[in-house]
């Protein structure tokens, strides 16, 4: 998805996370322009993931002198931008998804008549005890 389209989608999403993801996306665009000399018009969002971050562990007072745990969770937001032909690669991905998968043929093991190994303890060699 083009960066301008992604910003429009985020701008009109009524969720708290949309604001934070929008800030991260704007930062990624600014980094690409400043550090890699890439125009924002050429940028395409390749992937965006949100992973679990460290949790702050706090305690809340509970009945009879006890304590209840409180986990204040955080997250890591990763946005990967690329300038590699957004529309052409998107079309290529769609055509690869539309192709039918190859059928796998199950191979059966050949049945052997009498080529099996002798089982342990079949009585071929018996021990004799002499006193």
Protein backbone atom coordinates (compact mmCIF):
# COMPACT_ATOMS: atom_id res chain seq x y z
CA UNK A 1 0.00 0.00 0.00
CA UNK A 2 1.32 3.43 -0.85
CA UNK A 3 2.37 5.55 2.10
CA UNK A 4 -0.16 8.29 1.29
CA UNK A 5 -2.99 5.73 1.24
CA UNK A 6 -1.81 4.22 4.52
CA UNK A 7 -1.78 7.66 6.17
CA UNK A 8 -5.35 8.30 4.94
CA UNK A 9 -6.57 4.98 6.33
CA UNK A 10 -4.92 5.63 9.69
CA UNK A 11 -6.21 9.21 9.85
CA UNK A 12 -9.84 8.04 9.66
CA UNK A 13 -9.57 5.03 11.96
CA UNK A 14 -11.27 5.86 15.29
CA UNK A 15 -8.96 3.82 17.55
CA UNK A 16 -6.27 4.81 20.04
CA UNK A 17 -3.73 2.56 18.34
CA UNK A 18 -4.26 4.32 14.99
CA UNK A 19 -2.79 7.53 16.41
CA UNK A 20 0.33 5.72 17.66
CA UNK A 21 0.79 3.76 14.44
CA UNK A 22 0.37 7.01 12.48
CA UNK A 23 3.15 8.64 14.50
CA UNK A 24 5.42 5.66 13.84
CA UNK A 25 4.61 5.69 10.11
CA UNK A 26 5.34 9.43 9.84
CA UNK A 27 8.64 8.85 11.65
CA UNK A 28 9.55 6.02 9.25
CA UNK A 29 8.78 8.26 6.27
CA UNK A 30 10.94 11.05 7.69
CA UNK A 31 13.80 8.60 8.35
CA UNK A 32 13.63 7.28 4.78
CA UNK A 33 13.72 10.81 3.35
CA UNK A 34 16.52 12.06 5.61
CA UNK A 35 18.78 9.01 5.83
CA UNK A 36 18.28 7.29 2.48
CA UNK A 37 17.30 10.20 0.17
CA UNK A 38 14.07 8.50 -0.95
CA UNK A 39 11.06 10.59 -1.95
CA UNK A 40 7.91 9.98 0.08
CA UNK A 41 5.93 9.58 -3.16
CA UNK A 42 7.89 6.41 -4.03
CA UNK A 43 7.57 4.74 -0.63
CA UNK A 44 5.37 1.69 -0.12
CA UNK A 45 4.49 -0.02 3.17
CA UNK A 46 5.94 -3.51 2.88
CA UNK A 47 4.92 -4.76 6.34
CA UNK A 48 3.65 -3.45 9.65
CA UNK A 49 3.72 -5.54 12.82
CA UNK A 50 3.05 -4.91 16.48
CA UNK A 51 4.83 -7.19 18.94
CA UNK A 52 4.65 -7.50 22.70
CA UNK A 53 7.12 -5.39 24.62
CA UNK A 54 8.24 -5.47 28.24
CA UNK A 55 5.55 -5.26 30.90
CA UNK A 56 5.85 -2.99 33.92
CA UNK A 57 4.93 -5.00 37.00
CA UNK A 58 3.06 -3.10 39.71
CA UNK A 59 1.04 -4.13 42.75
CA UNK A 60 -2.34 -3.00 43.96
CA UNK A 61 -3.48 -3.39 47.58
CA UNK A 62 -5.94 -6.23 48.13
CA UNK A 63 -8.09 -7.49 50.99
CA UNK A 64 -6.56 -8.70 54.27
CA UNK A 65 -3.14 -7.20 53.63
CA UNK A 66 -2.56 -8.93 50.32
CA UNK A 67 -1.55 -7.55 46.95
CA UNK A 68 -2.90 -8.05 43.44
CA UNK A 69 -0.56 -7.87 40.46
CA UNK A 70 -1.00 -5.22 37.76
CA UNK A 71 0.81 -5.62 34.44
CA UNK A 72 1.17 -2.39 32.47
CA UNK A 73 1.84 -3.77 29.01
CA UNK A 74 3.87 -2.07 26.30
CA UNK A 75 4.42 -2.90 22.63
CA UNK A 76 6.94 -2.56 19.81
CA UNK A 77 5.67 -1.19 16.48
CA UNK A 78 7.67 -2.19 13.38
CA UNK A 79 6.95 -0.60 9.99
CA UNK A 80 9.03 -1.60 6.95
CA UNK A 81 8.98 0.78 3.99
CA UNK A 82 10.36 0.10 0.53
CA UNK A 83 10.62 1.97 -2.76
CA UNK A 84 10.52 -1.12 -4.99
CA UNK A 85 7.69 -0.65 -7.55
CA UNK A 86 4.62 -0.85 -5.37
CA UNK A 87 1.98 -1.56 -8.03
CA UNK A 88 4.05 -4.07 -10.02
CA UNK A 89 4.98 -6.15 -6.98
CA UNK A 90 1.39 -6.05 -5.68
CA UNK A 91 0.14 -7.35 -9.04
CA UNK A 92 2.77 -10.12 -8.98
CA UNK A 93 1.69 -11.18 -5.48
CA UNK A 94 -1.98 -11.30 -6.51
CA UNK A 95 -1.27 -13.48 -9.54
CA UNK A 96 0.83 -15.88 -7.46
CA UNK A 97 -2.00 -16.23 -4.95
CA UNK A 98 -4.54 -16.89 -7.74
CA UNK A 99 -2.56 -19.79 -9.26
CA UNK A 100 -3.78 -23.25 -8.24
CA UNK A 101 -1.44 -25.22 -6.04
CA UNK A 102 0.33 -28.26 -7.45
CA UNK A 103 -1.16 -31.57 -6.42
CA UNK A 104 1.10 -33.80 -4.40
CA UNK A 105 1.12 -37.47 -5.33
CA UNK A 106 1.42 -39.82 -2.37
CA UNK A 107 4.06 -42.48 -2.88
CA UNK A 108 3.46 -45.93 -1.42
CA UNK A 109 6.26 -48.13 -0.16
CA UNK A 110 6.86 -51.31 -2.19
CA UNK A 111 5.62 -54.44 -0.47
CA UNK A 112 8.30 -57.01 0.12
CA UNK A 113 7.51 -60.76 0.23
CA UNK A 114 10.20 -62.39 2.37
CA UNK A 115 12.97 -59.81 2.61
CA UNK A 116 12.20 -58.90 6.21
CA UNK A 117 14.96 -58.96 8.83
CA UNK A 118 14.67 -61.72 11.46
CA UNK A 119 13.10 -60.57 14.71
CA UNK A 120 15.11 -60.52 17.92
CA UNK A 121 14.57 -63.59 20.08
CA UNK A 122 13.18 -65.72 17.29
CA UNK A 123 15.03 -68.78 18.58
CA UNK A 124 17.67 -69.18 15.88
CA UNK A 125 20.48 -69.46 18.40
CA UNK A 126 19.75 -70.93 21.79
CA UNK A 127 22.08 -70.93 24.74
CA UNK A 128 22.89 -74.14 26.52
CA UNK A 129 23.86 -74.28 30.14
CA UNK A 130 26.36 -76.97 31.16
CA UNK A 131 27.50 -77.70 34.70
